[in-house]
Amino acid sequence: MKQFMSPKELRASAQYMKAFSETATNVLLKLSLTVAAFLLMLVAAFSQKHESRYFNNLDANGVIIDGYDPVAFFTDNKPVKGDPTLQYKYQDATYYFASKEHLDLFKADPEKYKPQFGGWCAYAVSLGRVAPIDVNTFSIVNGRLVIQHNQRAVNGWNKDVQGNLSLADKYWPAVSEKGGKQIQTDVEKGFLNNTDKDGVTLQGYDAVAYFADSKATPGDPKYSARYNGATYWFTSEAHAAMFKDHPEMFAPQYGAFCGYAMSLGKLRPIDPTIFQIIDGRLILQHSQDAYKQFNKDVAGNTAKADANWPEQVKKHAGKKIKFDKPAKSVEEDNS
């Protein structure tokens, strides 16, 4: 067996090792450069993601308040369309102005003239979410420009202007941080609802359809309303409007938890297709078995559920819901 290399083999081996070393060095260098480039890309992406620090209600061109002149609300006391040739960018939003004078006024003191809450509906923000605006609903409150979504929002806002402004100021940081998605307000923490992770109740079924159409119908998120800490979906704008006018008429009993389970002092989920209207009240059940049990004594079980509900609210409101174990079935009771 050969144990030693010849001088020629040694030279060849040395050349090979040198080449290997250079190759390895080049590979490591390229890898380092690749990693560095990747890190730079991450930094750039992070910077770009956070470049727009303000959550504004903008159109496709980045223009705020539908292109209306923010100064005119103060000086003319009415909405005045701005001129795209007279524009100014402030806090990631582009503003249009009706005159050079108005542009100069805004530049000198943009905080005085800018719309509050990123140009979103002020009343919606006071309720923990955002909504689009109608510039004709504007008002100047404490020297601040606030705009609402529609007349219904104006009516809600005007019930307590200063109180609603304080709530909007309080909730705006969290609302903007969540990109306008509904947050749970302080008032809503006092309610108990059977909702999904996004706060939608009835598994998205239309609460009004149970009454108007006598059937369970899945709603559409584009037609929605918020009531007592839960978000409702509807099949149409007409149903949404009906609910908004009289939510107490259409909202399910016991926070959309199972009616029979509530008669036993328990929290159970529902099947939104198993329902009945009892004395004008929407009551849902977990299963056909629960429906049978409940209807063995409708008046008695309703009274029991009514009596148990306040204690359940007191015990579970504002907390993560954990469903109780199911009650015995009819078959088990008869065995």
C-alpha atoms as a PDB file:
ATOM      1  CA  MET A   1       0.000   0.000   0.000  1.00  0.00           C
ATOM      2  CA  LYS A   2       1.345   3.398  -0.995  1.00  0.00           C
ATOM      3  CA  GLN A   3       1.833   5.632   2.067  1.00  0.00           C
ATOM      4  CA  PHE A   4       3.718   8.690   0.738  1.00  0.00           C
ATOM      5  CA  MET A   5       3.015  11.074  -2.147  1.00  0.00           C
ATOM      6  CA  SER A   6       5.652  11.965  -4.704  1.00  0.00           C
ATOM      7  CA  PRO A   7       6.824  15.610  -5.097  1.00  0.00           C
ATOM      8  CA  LYS A   8       4.651  15.821  -8.213  1.00  0.00           C
ATOM      9  CA  GLU A   9       1.612  14.580  -6.297  1.00  0.00           C
ATOM     10  CA  LEU A  10       2.364  16.958  -3.435  1.00  0.00           C
ATOM     11  CA  ARG A  11       2.464  19.924  -5.826  1.00  0.00           C
ATOM     12  CA  ALA A  12      -0.803  18.828  -7.438  1.00  0.00           C
ATOM     13  CA  SER A  13      -2.398  18.422  -4.022  1.00  0.00           C
ATOM     14  CA  ALA A  14      -1.195  21.856  -2.928  1.00  0.00           C
ATOM     15  CA  GLN A  15      -2.592  23.435  -6.096  1.00  0.00           C
ATOM     16  CA  TYR A  16      -5.890  21.640  -5.508  1.00  0.00           C
ATOM     17  CA  MET A  17      -6.071  22.855  -1.910  1.00  0.00           C
ATOM     18  CA  LYS A  18      -5.304  26.405  -3.000  1.00  0.00           C
ATOM     19  CA  ALA A  19      -8.022  26.292  -5.636  1.00  0.00           C
ATOM     20  CA  PHE A  20     -10.434  24.773  -3.136  1.00  0.00           C
ATOM     21  CA  SER A  21      -9.603  27.472  -0.617  1.00  0.00           C
ATOM     22  CA  GLU A  22     -10.116  30.246  -3.164  1.00  0.00           C
ATOM     23  CA  THR A  23     -13.402  28.709  -4.281  1.00  0.00           C
ATOM     24  CA  ALA A  24     -14.629  28.351  -0.715  1.00  0.00           C
ATOM     25  CA  THR A  25     -13.605  31.937   0.021  1.00  0.00           C
ATOM     26  CA  ASN A  26     -15.503  33.161  -3.047  1.00  0.00           C
ATOM     27  CA  VAL A  27     -18.563  31.139  -2.077  1.00  0.00           C
ATOM     28  CA  LEU A  28     -18.506  32.517   1.466  1.00  0.00           C
ATOM     29  CA  LEU A  29     -17.999  36.035   0.138  1.00  0.00           C
ATOM     30  CA  LYS A  30     -20.919  35.705  -2.255  1.00  0.00           C
ATOM     31  CA  LEU A  31     -23.044  34.185   0.489  1.00  0.00           C
ATOM     32  CA  SER A  32     -22.200  37.065   2.816  1.00  0.00           C
ATOM     33  CA  LEU A  33     -23.052  39.567   0.127  1.00  0.00           C
ATOM     34  CA  THR A  34     -26.333  37.756  -0.546  1.00  0.00           C
ATOM     35  CA  VAL A  35     -27.238  37.731   3.133  1.00  0.00           C
ATOM     36  CA  ALA A  36     -26.310  41.407   3.430  1.00  0.00           C
ATOM     37  CA  ALA A  37     -28.409  42.251   0.380  1.00  0.00           C
ATOM     38  CA  PHE A  38     -31.321  40.282   1.814  1.00  0.00           C
ATOM     39  CA  LEU A  39     -31.049  42.131   5.106  1.00  0.00           C
ATOM     40  CA  LEU A  40     -30.965  45.438   3.258  1.00  0.00           C
ATOM     41  CA  MET A  41     -34.104  44.403   1.370  1.00  0.00           C
ATOM     42  CA  LEU A  42     -35.807  43.567   4.654  1.00  0.00           C
ATOM     43  CA  VAL A  43     -34.845  46.933   6.085  1.00  0.00           C
ATOM     44  CA  ALA A  44     -36.084  48.674   2.954  1.00  0.00           C
ATOM     45  CA  ALA A  45     -39.344  46.731   3.017  1.00  0.00           C
ATOM     46  CA  PHE A  46     -39.816  47.536   6.697  1.00  0.00           C
ATOM     47  CA  SER A  47     -39.135  51.206   6.010  1.00  0.00           C
ATOM     48  CA  GLN A  48     -41.574  51.259   3.105  1.00  0.00           C
ATOM     49  CA  LYS A  49     -44.233  49.494   5.162  1.00  0.00           C
ATOM     50  CA  HIS A  50     -43.973  52.067   7.904  1.00  0.00           C
ATOM     51  CA  GLU A  51     -43.356  55.060   5.677  1.00  0.00           C
ATOM     52  CA  SER A  52     -47.086  55.904   5.741  1.00  0.00           C
ATOM     53  CA  ARG A  53     -47.577  56.497   9.447  1.00  0.00           C
ATOM     54  CA  TYR A  54     -51.030  57.987   9.131  1.00  0.00           C
ATOM     55  CA  PHE A  55     -54.240  56.043   8.578  1.00  0.00           C
ATOM     56  CA  ASN A  56     -56.152  58.359   6.270  1.00  0.00           C
ATOM     57  CA  ASN A  57     -59.378  58.100   4.281  1.00  0.00           C
ATOM     58  CA  LEU A  58     -57.940  58.614   0.789  1.00  0.00           C
ATOM     59  CA  ASP A  59     -59.107  58.086  -2.769  1.00  0.00           C
ATOM     60  CA  ALA A  60     -57.148  56.132  -5.385  1.00  0.00           C
ATOM     61  CA  ASN A  61     -54.877  59.138  -5.930  1.00  0.00           C
ATOM     62  CA  GLY A  62     -54.107  59.635  -2.270  1.00  0.00           C
ATOM     63  CA  VAL A  63     -56.434  62.642  -1.983  1.00  0.00           C
ATOM     64  CA  ILE A  64     -58.274  63.219   1.294  1.00  0.00           C
ATOM     65  CA  ILE A  65     -61.857  64.481   1.960  1.00  0.00           C
ATOM     66  CA  ASP A  66     -62.878  63.717  -1.628  1.00  0.00           C
ATOM     67  CA  GLY A  67     -60.785  66.601  -2.936  1.00  0.00           C
ATOM     68  CA  TYR A  68     -62.641  69.293  -1.012  1.00  0.00           C
ATOM     69  CA  ASP A  69     -60.829  72.324   0.343  1.00  0.00           C
ATOM     70  CA  PRO A  70     -60.269  71.851   4.120  1.00  0.00           C
ATOM     71  CA  VAL A  71     -59.893  75.590   4.722  1.00  0.00           C
ATOM     72  CA  ALA A  72     -63.232  76.417   3.093  1.00  0.00           C
ATOM     73  CA  PHE A  73     -65.112  74.567   5.820  1.00  0.00           C
ATOM     74  CA  PHE A  74     -63.814  77.218   8.208  1.00  0.00           C
ATOM     75  CA  THR A  75     -63.805  80.327   6.026  1.00  0.00           C
ATOM     76  CA  ASP A  76     -66.878  79.692   3.846  1.00  0.00           C
ATOM     77  CA  ASN A  77     -68.796  77.416   6.234  1.00  0.00           C
ATOM     78  CA  LYS A  78     -69.560  74.998   3.417  1.00  0.00           C
ATOM     79  CA  PRO A  79     -67.855  72.311   1.305  1.00  0.00           C
ATOM     80  CA  VAL A  80     -65.938  73.791  -1.622  1.00  0.00           C
ATOM     81  CA  LYS A  81     -64.269  71.591  -4.209  1.00  0.00           C
ATOM     82  CA  GLY A  82     -60.510  72.041  -4.413  1.00  0.00           C
ATOM     83  CA  ASP A  83     -58.375  72.548  -7.482  1.00  0.00           C
ATOM     84  CA  PRO A  84     -55.898  69.707  -8.242  1.00  0.00           C
ATOM     85  CA  THR A  85     -53.370  72.296  -9.426  1.00  0.00           C
ATOM     86  CA  LEU A  86     -53.391  73.788  -5.933  1.00  0.00           C
ATOM     87  CA  GLN A  87     -52.355  70.891  -3.760  1.00  0.00           C
ATOM     88  CA  TYR A  88     -50.281  70.196  -0.702  1.00  0.00           C
ATOM     89  CA  LYS A  89     -49.240  66.966   0.971  1.00  0.00           C
ATOM     90  CA  TYR A  90     -49.433  66.692   4.729  1.00  0.00           C
ATOM     91  CA  GLN A  91     -49.209  63.602   6.920  1.00  0.00           C
ATOM     92  CA  ASP A  92     -49.322  61.242   3.924  1.00  0.00           C
ATOM     93  CA  ALA A  93     -52.471  62.834   2.477  1.00  0.00           C
ATOM     94  CA  THR A  94     -52.839  65.125  -0.517  1.00  0.00           C
ATOM     95  CA  TYR A  95     -55.089  68.159  -0.054  1.00  0.00           C
ATOM     96  CA  TYR A  96     -56.688  70.235  -2.806  1.00  0.00           C
ATOM     97  CA  PHE A  97     -57.509  73.927  -2.354  1.00  0.00           C
ATOM     98  CA  ALA A  98     -59.910  76.320  -4.006  1.00  0.00           C
ATOM     99  CA  SER A  99     -57.460  79.231  -3.958  1.00  0.00           C
ATOM    100  CA  LYS A 100     -53.814  80.108  -3.413  1.00  0.00           C
ATOM    101  CA  GLU A 101     -54.892  82.002  -0.293  1.00  0.00           C
ATOM    102  CA  HIS A 102     -56.412  78.863   1.210  1.00  0.00           C
ATOM    103  CA  LEU A 103     -53.341  76.838   0.294  1.00  0.00           C
ATOM    104  CA  ASP A 104     -51.123  79.346   2.091  1.00  0.00           C
ATOM    105  CA  LEU A 105     -53.372  79.336   5.151  1.00  0.00           C
ATOM    106  CA  PHE A 106     -53.161  75.564   5.350  1.00  0.00           C
ATOM    107  CA  LYS A 107     -49.392  75.518   4.908  1.00  0.00           C
ATOM    108  CA  ALA A 108     -49.019  78.017   7.719  1.00  0.00           C
ATOM    109  CA  ASP A 109     -51.092  75.940  10.170  1.00  0.00           C
ATOM    110  CA  PRO A 110     -52.179  72.528   8.846  1.00  0.00           C
ATOM    111  CA  GLU A 111     -53.169  71.243  12.289  1.00  0.00           C
ATOM    112  CA  LYS A 112     -55.810  73.952  12.482  1.00  0.00           C
ATOM    113  CA  TYR A 113     -57.504  73.037   9.224  1.00  0.00           C
ATOM    114  CA  LYS A 114     -56.990  69.301   8.722  1.00  0.00           C
ATOM    115  CA  PRO A 115     -60.005  66.974   9.203  1.00  0.00           C
ATOM    116  CA  GLN A 116     -59.972  65.005  12.411  1.00  0.00           C
ATOM    117  CA  PHE A 117     -59.487  61.236  12.585  1.00  0.00           C
ATOM    118  CA  GLY A 118     -57.819  60.919   9.212  1.00  0.00           C
ATOM    119  CA  GLY A 119     -60.863  62.176   7.360  1.00  0.00           C
ATOM    120  CA  TRP A 120     -63.004  59.245   8.538  1.00  0.00           C
ATOM    121  CA  CYS A 121     -66.479  59.500  10.070  1.00  0.00           C
ATOM    122  CA  ALA A 122     -66.029  60.937  13.561  1.00  0.00           C
ATOM    123  CA  TYR A 123     -69.085  59.207  14.990  1.00  0.00           C
ATOM    124  CA  ALA A 124     -67.892  55.819  13.725  1.00  0.00           C
ATOM    125  CA  VAL A 125     -64.531  56.374  15.415  1.00  0.00           C
ATOM    126  CA  SER A 126     -66.331  57.174  18.675  1.00  0.00           C
ATOM    127  CA  LEU A 127     -67.893  53.706  18.318  1.00  0.00           C
ATOM    128  CA  GLY A 128     -64.527  52.057  17.729  1.00  0.00           C
ATOM    129  CA  ARG A 129     -64.368  51.737  13.941  1.00  0.00           C
ATOM    130  CA  VAL A 130     -64.211  53.744  10.689  1.00  0.00           C
ATOM    131  CA  ALA A 131     -66.750  54.633   8.016  1.00  0.00           C
ATOM    132  CA  PRO A 132     -66.632  56.785   4.856  1.00  0.00           C
ATOM    133  CA  ILE A 133     -67.849  60.366   4.883  1.00  0.00           C
ATOM    134  CA  ASP A 134     -70.282  62.760   3.269  1.00  0.00           C
ATOM    135  CA  VAL A 135     -68.701  66.237   3.337  1.00  0.00           C
ATOM    136  CA  ASN A 136     -72.150  67.815   3.709  1.00  0.00           C
ATOM    137  CA  THR A 137     -72.333  66.425   7.252  1.00  0.00           C
ATOM    138  CA  PHE A 138     -69.356  68.465   8.504  1.00  0.00           C
ATOM    139  CA  SER A 139     -69.244  70.535  11.660  1.00  0.00           C
ATOM    140  CA  ILE A 140     -66.634  72.559  13.513  1.00  0.00           C
ATOM    141  CA  VAL A 141     -66.340  71.378  17.108  1.00  0.00           C
ATOM    142  CA  ASN A 142     -63.921  73.113  19.454  1.00  0.00           C
ATOM    143  CA  GLY A 143     -62.215  74.563  16.403  1.00  0.00           C
ATOM    144  CA  ARG A 144     -61.809  71.089  14.854  1.00  0.00           C
ATOM    145  CA  LEU A 145     -63.210  69.865  11.543  1.00  0.00           C
ATOM    146  CA  VAL A 146     -65.251  66.694  12.005  1.00  0.00           C
ATOM    147  CA  ILE A 147     -67.197  64.959   9.241  1.00  0.00           C
ATOM    148  CA  GLN A 148     -69.762  62.164   9.470  1.00  0.00           C
ATOM    149  CA  HIS A 149     -70.869  59.263   7.301  1.00  0.00           C
ATOM    150  CA  ASN A 150     -74.542  60.189   6.853  1.00  0.00           C
ATOM    151  CA  GLN A 151     -77.511  61.769   8.613  1.00  0.00           C
ATOM    152  CA  ARG A 152     -77.910  58.767  10.892  1.00  0.00           C
ATOM    153  CA  ALA A 153     -74.339  59.313  12.095  1.00  0.00           C
ATOM    154  CA  VAL A 154     -75.026  63.033  12.530  1.00  0.00           C
ATOM    155  CA  ASN A 155     -78.006  62.207  14.729  1.00  0.00           C
ATOM    156  CA  GLY A 156     -75.954  59.835  16.851  1.00  0.00           C
ATOM    157  CA  TRP A 157     -73.102  62.320  17.142  1.00  0.00           C
ATOM    158  CA  ASN A 158     -75.403  65.176  18.131  1.00  0.00           C
ATOM    159  CA  LYS A 159     -76.835  63.242  21.070  1.00  0.00           C
ATOM    160  CA  ASP A 160     -73.635  64.045  22.960  1.00  0.00           C
ATOM    161  CA  VAL A 161     -71.181  66.039  20.852  1.00  0.00           C
ATOM    162  CA  GLN A 162     -68.528  66.623  23.511  1.00  0.00           C
ATOM    163  CA  GLY A 163     -68.841  63.126  24.902  1.00  0.00           C
ATOM    164  CA  ASN A 164     -68.565  61.558  21.445  1.00  0.00           C
ATOM    165  CA  LEU A 165     -65.585  63.736  20.589  1.00  0.00           C
ATOM    166  CA  SER A 166     -63.837  62.556  23.748  1.00  0.00           C
ATOM    167  CA  LEU A 167     -64.569  58.933  22.854  1.00  0.00           C
ATOM    168  CA  ALA A 168     -63.298  59.426  19.307  1.00  0.00           C
ATOM    169  CA  ASP A 169     -60.081  60.947  20.649  1.00  0.00           C
ATOM    170  CA  LYS A 170     -59.725  58.024  23.044  1.00  0.00           C
ATOM    171  CA  TYR A 171     -60.307  55.257  20.494  1.00  0.00           C
ATOM    172  CA  TRP A 172     -58.623  56.774  17.441  1.00  0.00           C
ATOM    173  CA  PRO A 173     -55.089  55.478  18.216  1.00  0.00           C
ATOM    174  CA  ALA A 174     -56.328  51.881  18.535  1.00  0.00           C
ATOM    175  CA  VAL A 175     -58.693  52.165  15.558  1.00  0.00           C
ATOM    176  CA  SER A 176     -55.971  53.559  13.308  1.00  0.00           C
ATOM    177  CA  GLU A 177     -53.484  50.958  14.559  1.00  0.00           C
ATOM    178  CA  LYS A 178     -55.916  48.191  13.514  1.00  0.00           C
ATOM    179  CA  GLY A 179     -56.479  49.748  10.106  1.00  0.00           C
ATOM    180  CA  GLY A 180     -60.035  50.759  10.886  1.00  0.00           C
ATOM    181  CA  LYS A 181     -61.249  47.375  12.088  1.00  0.00           C
ATOM    182  CA  GLN A 182     -63.728  47.341  14.933  1.00  0.00           C
ATOM    183  CA  ILE A 183     -62.229  47.494  18.408  1.00  0.00           C
ATOM    184  CA  GLN A 184     -64.048  46.672  21.616  1.00  0.00           C
ATOM    185  CA  THR A 185     -65.056  49.874  23.325  1.00  0.00           C
ATOM    186  CA  ASP A 186     -65.368  50.338  27.060  1.00  0.00           C
ATOM    187  CA  VAL A 187     -69.160  50.205  26.874  1.00  0.00           C
ATOM    188  CA  GLU A 188     -69.093  47.015  24.808  1.00  0.00           C
ATOM    189  CA  LYS A 189     -67.103  45.211  27.494  1.00  0.00           C
ATOM    190  CA  GLY A 190     -70.296  45.152  29.529  1.00  0.00           C
ATOM    191  CA  PHE A 191     -72.133  42.996  26.975  1.00  0.00           C
ATOM    192  CA  LEU A 192     -72.035  39.242  26.466  1.00  0.00           C
ATOM    193  CA  ASN A 193     -72.306  37.918  22.920  1.00  0.00           C
ATOM    194  CA  ASN A 194     -71.720  34.684  21.083  1.00  0.00           C
ATOM    195  CA  THR A 195     -69.431  35.957  18.308  1.00  0.00           C
ATOM    196  CA  ASP A 196     -66.545  34.763  16.168  1.00  0.00           C
ATOM    197  CA  LYS A 197     -63.007  36.137  16.461  1.00  0.00           C
ATOM    198  CA  ASP A 198     -63.982  39.176  14.389  1.00  0.00           C
ATOM    199  CA  GLY A 199     -66.963  40.015  16.592  1.00  0.00           C
ATOM    200  CA  VAL A 200     -69.605  38.757  14.127  1.00  0.00           C
ATOM    201  CA  THR A 201     -72.654  37.178  15.724  1.00  0.00           C
ATOM    202  CA  LEU A 202     -75.223  34.658  14.436  1.00  0.00           C
ATOM    203  CA  GLN A 203     -72.403  33.161  12.358  1.00  0.00           C
ATOM    204  CA  GLY A 204     -73.097  35.953   9.875  1.00  0.00           C
ATOM    205  CA  TYR A 205     -76.793  35.176   9.417  1.00  0.00           C
ATOM    206  CA  ASP A 206     -79.220  38.052   8.837  1.00  0.00           C
ATOM    207  CA  ALA A 207     -81.078  38.851  12.092  1.00  0.00           C
ATOM    208  CA  VAL A 208     -83.862  40.680  10.235  1.00  0.00           C
ATOM    209  CA  ALA A 209     -84.490  37.817   7.804  1.00  0.00           C
ATOM    210  CA  TYR A 210     -85.702  35.611  10.656  1.00  0.00           C
ATOM    211  CA  PHE A 211     -88.572  38.070  11.135  1.00  0.00           C
ATOM    212  CA  ALA A 212     -89.122  39.456   7.637  1.00  0.00           C
ATOM    213  CA  ASP A 213     -88.647  36.228   5.666  1.00  0.00           C
ATOM    214  CA  SER A 214     -89.291  33.603   8.365  1.00  0.00           C
ATOM    215  CA  LYS A 215     -86.083  31.834   7.454  1.00  0.00           C
ATOM    216  CA  ALA A 216     -82.378  31.707   8.251  1.00  0.00           C
ATOM    217  CA  THR A 217     -80.377  33.488   5.560  1.00  0.00           C
ATOM    218  CA  PRO A 218     -76.617  34.167   5.524  1.00  0.00           C
ATOM    219  CA  GLY A 219     -75.821  37.883   5.465  1.00  0.00           C
ATOM    220  CA  ASP A 220     -73.239  39.826   3.513  1.00  0.00           C
ATOM    221  CA  PRO A 221     -70.435  41.699   5.326  1.00  0.00           C
ATOM    222  CA  LYS A 222     -70.930  44.734   3.087  1.00  0.00           C
ATOM    223  CA  TYR A 223     -74.302  45.252   4.817  1.00  0.00           C
ATOM    224  CA  SER A 224     -73.459  45.430   8.493  1.00  0.00           C
ATOM    225  CA  ALA A 225     -74.368  47.057  11.797  1.00  0.00           C
ATOM    226  CA  ARG A 226     -72.940  47.088  15.308  1.00  0.00           C
ATOM    227  CA  TYR A 227     -75.133  46.662  18.350  1.00  0.00           C
ATOM    228  CA  ASN A 228     -74.293  46.015  22.002  1.00  0.00           C
ATOM    229  CA  GLY A 229     -70.800  44.799  21.213  1.00  0.00           C
ATOM    230  CA  ALA A 230     -71.624  42.490  18.296  1.00  0.00           C
ATOM    231  CA  THR A 231     -71.400  42.935  14.525  1.00  0.00           C
ATOM    232  CA  TYR A 232     -74.392  41.861  12.430  1.00  0.00           C
ATOM    233  CA  TRP A 233     -74.448  41.039   8.725  1.00  0.00           C
ATOM    234  CA  PHE A 234     -77.496  41.441   6.490  1.00  0.00           C
ATOM    235  CA  THR A 235     -78.664  40.376   3.063  1.00  0.00           C
ATOM    236  CA  SER A 236     -79.468  43.918   1.961  1.00  0.00           C
ATOM    237  CA  GLU A 237     -79.084  47.567   2.852  1.00  0.00           C
ATOM    238  CA  ALA A 238     -82.820  47.624   3.568  1.00  0.00           C
ATOM    239  CA  HIS A 239     -82.450  44.969   6.255  1.00  0.00           C
ATOM    240  CA  ALA A 240     -79.417  46.752   7.687  1.00  0.00           C
ATOM    241  CA  ALA A 241     -81.423  49.979   7.886  1.00  0.00           C
ATOM    242  CA  MET A 242     -84.327  48.204   9.578  1.00  0.00           C
ATOM    243  CA  PHE A 243     -81.976  46.801  12.175  1.00  0.00           C
ATOM    244  CA  LYS A 244     -80.249  50.134  12.778  1.00  0.00           C
ATOM    245  CA  ASP A 245     -83.612  51.818  13.347  1.00  0.00           C
ATOM    246  CA  HIS A 246     -84.765  49.256  15.906  1.00  0.00           C
ATOM    247  CA  PRO A 247     -81.959  46.848  16.860  1.00  0.00           C
ATOM    248  CA  GLU A 248     -83.725  45.800  20.057  1.00  0.00           C
ATOM    249  CA  MET A 249     -86.539  44.322  17.933  1.00  0.00           C
ATOM    250  CA  PHE A 250     -84.287  42.063  15.872  1.00  0.00           C
ATOM    251  CA  ALA A 251     -81.304  41.200  18.069  1.00  0.00           C
ATOM    252  CA  PRO A 252     -81.319  37.568  19.251  1.00  0.00           C
ATOM    253  CA  GLN A 253     -82.091  36.785  22.863  1.00  0.00           C
ATOM    254  CA  TYR A 254     -79.372  35.744  25.311  1.00  0.00           C
ATOM    255  CA  GLY A 255     -76.549  37.176  23.201  1.00  0.00           C
ATOM    256  CA  ALA A 256     -77.164  34.566  20.475  1.00  0.00           C
ATOM    257  CA  PHE A 257     -76.386  31.689  22.838  1.00  0.00           C
ATOM    258  CA  CYS A 258     -78.566  28.587  22.900  1.00  0.00           C
ATOM    259  CA  GLY A 259     -81.956  29.304  24.502  1.00  0.00           C
ATOM    260  CA  TYR A 260     -82.415  25.872  26.033  1.00  0.00           C
ATOM    261  CA  ALA A 261     -78.912  25.897  27.519  1.00  0.00           C
ATOM    262  CA  MET A 262     -79.622  29.323  29.006  1.00  0.00           C
ATOM    263  CA  SER A 263     -82.719  27.916  30.701  1.00  0.00           C
ATOM    264  CA  LEU A 264     -80.267  25.559  32.447  1.00  0.00           C
ATOM    265  CA  GLY A 265     -77.843  28.376  33.252  1.00  0.00           C
ATOM    266  CA  LYS A 266     -75.326  27.296  30.624  1.00  0.00           C
ATOM    267  CA  LEU A 267     -73.550  28.942  27.675  1.00  0.00           C
ATOM    268  CA  ARG A 268     -73.747  26.846  24.528  1.00  0.00           C
ATOM    269  CA  PRO A 269     -73.237  27.651  20.822  1.00  0.00           C
ATOM    270  CA  ILE A 270     -76.060  27.693  18.283  1.00  0.00           C
ATOM    271  CA  ASP A 271     -77.041  26.329  14.942  1.00  0.00           C
ATOM    272  CA  PRO A 272     -78.301  29.535  13.257  1.00  0.00           C
ATOM    273  CA  THR A 273     -80.810  27.546  11.210  1.00  0.00           C
ATOM    274  CA  ILE A 274     -82.630  26.286  14.319  1.00  0.00           C
ATOM    275  CA  PHE A 275     -84.730  29.198  15.542  1.00  0.00           C
ATOM    276  CA  GLN A 276     -88.178  30.388  16.534  1.00  0.00           C
ATOM    277  CA  ILE A 277     -89.877  33.710  17.181  1.00  0.00           C
ATOM    278  CA  ILE A 278     -91.543  33.666  20.595  1.00  0.00           C
ATOM    279  CA  ASP A 279     -93.615  36.710  21.529  1.00  0.00           C
ATOM    280  CA  GLY A 280     -91.613  38.753  19.025  1.00  0.00           C
ATOM    281  CA  ARG A 281     -88.260  37.515  20.385  1.00  0.00           C
ATOM    282  CA  LEU A 282     -85.660  35.606  18.351  1.00  0.00           C
ATOM    283  CA  ILE A 283     -84.468  32.504  20.222  1.00  0.00           C
ATOM    284  CA  LEU A 284     -81.962  30.081  18.723  1.00  0.00           C
ATOM    285  CA  GLN A 285     -80.938  26.583  19.755  1.00  0.00           C
ATOM    286  CA  HIS A 286     -77.822  24.467  19.594  1.00  0.00           C
ATOM    287  CA  SER A 287     -79.443  21.400  18.046  1.00  0.00           C
ATOM    288  CA  GLN A 288     -82.770  19.776  17.191  1.00  0.00           C
ATOM    289  CA  ASP A 289     -82.590  17.997  20.518  1.00  0.00           C
ATOM    290  CA  ALA A 290     -82.231  21.316  22.365  1.00  0.00           C
ATOM    291  CA  TYR A 291     -85.169  22.631  20.335  1.00  0.00           C
ATOM    292  CA  LYS A 292     -87.311  19.671  21.451  1.00  0.00           C
ATOM    293  CA  GLN A 293     -86.305  20.095  25.071  1.00  0.00           C
ATOM    294  CA  PHE A 294     -87.033  23.809  25.028  1.00  0.00           C
ATOM    295  CA  ASN A 295     -90.427  23.358  23.433  1.00  0.00           C
ATOM    296  CA  LYS A 296     -91.580  20.835  26.016  1.00  0.00           C
ATOM    297  CA  ASP A 297     -92.298  23.947  28.139  1.00  0.00           C
ATOM    298  CA  VAL A 298     -91.765  27.106  26.108  1.00  0.00           C
ATOM    299  CA  ALA A 299     -93.130  29.544  28.675  1.00  0.00           C
ATOM    300  CA  GLY A 300     -91.347  27.905  31.580  1.00  0.00           C
ATOM    301  CA  ASN A 301     -87.998  27.544  29.806  1.00  0.00           C
ATOM    302  CA  THR A 302     -88.172  31.104  28.498  1.00  0.00           C
ATOM    303  CA  ALA A 303     -88.776  32.379  32.024  1.00  0.00           C
ATOM    304  CA  LYS A 304     -85.834  30.331  33.309  1.00  0.00           C
ATOM    305  CA  ALA A 305     -83.568  31.623  30.533  1.00  0.00           C
ATOM    306  CA  ASP A 306     -84.623  35.209  31.247  1.00  0.00           C
ATOM    307  CA  ALA A 307     -83.836  34.727  34.928  1.00  0.00           C
ATOM    308  CA  ASN A 308     -80.434  33.111  34.264  1.00  0.00           C
ATOM    309  CA  TRP A 309     -79.222  35.585  31.626  1.00  0.00           C
ATOM    310  CA  PRO A 310     -78.281  38.561  33.888  1.00  0.00           C
ATOM    311  CA  GLU A 311     -76.025  36.349  36.028  1.00  0.00           C
ATOM    312  CA  GLN A 312     -74.300  34.982  32.923  1.00  0.00           C
ATOM    313  CA  VAL A 313     -73.667  38.519  31.698  1.00  0.00           C
ATOM    314  CA  LYS A 314     -72.264  39.508  35.066  1.00  0.00           C
ATOM    315  CA  LYS A 315     -70.017  36.455  35.132  1.00  0.00           C
ATOM    316  CA  HIS A 316     -68.726  36.381  31.548  1.00  0.00           C
ATOM    317  CA  ALA A 317     -69.027  39.871  29.990  1.00  0.00           C
ATOM    318  CA  GLY A 318     -65.729  41.209  28.666  1.00  0.00           C
ATOM    319  CA  LYS A 319     -64.024  37.810  28.980  1.00  0.00           C
ATOM    320  CA  LYS A 320     -63.091  35.108  26.519  1.00  0.00           C
ATOM    321  CA  ILE A 321     -66.046  32.771  26.185  1.00  0.00           C
ATOM    322  CA  LYS A 322     -65.741  29.099  27.045  1.00  0.00           C
ATOM    323  CA  PHE A 323     -68.818  27.032  26.232  1.00  0.00           C
ATOM    324  CA  ASP A 324     -70.271  24.767  28.891  1.00  0.00           C
ATOM    325  CA  LYS A 325     -70.636  21.038  28.362  1.00  0.00           C
ATOM    326  CA  PRO A 326     -73.893  20.033  26.657  1.00  0.00           C
ATOM    327  CA  ALA A 327     -76.953  19.038  28.637  1.00  0.00           C
ATOM    328  CA  LYS A 328     -78.361  15.518  28.495  1.00  0.00           C
ATOM    329  CA  SER A 329     -80.252  14.690  25.341  1.00  0.00           C
ATOM    330  CA  VAL A 330     -83.917  13.713  25.179  1.00  0.00           C
ATOM    331  CA  GLU A 331     -82.920  10.133  24.491  1.00  0.00           C
ATOM    332  CA  GLU A 332     -80.700  10.054  27.583  1.00  0.00           C
ATOM    333  CA  ASP A 333     -83.519  11.493  29.720  1.00  0.00           C
ATOM    334  CA  ASN A 334     -85.879   8.790  28.470  1.00  0.00           C
ATOM    335  CA  SER A 335     -83.437   5.930  28.959  1.00  0.00           C
END
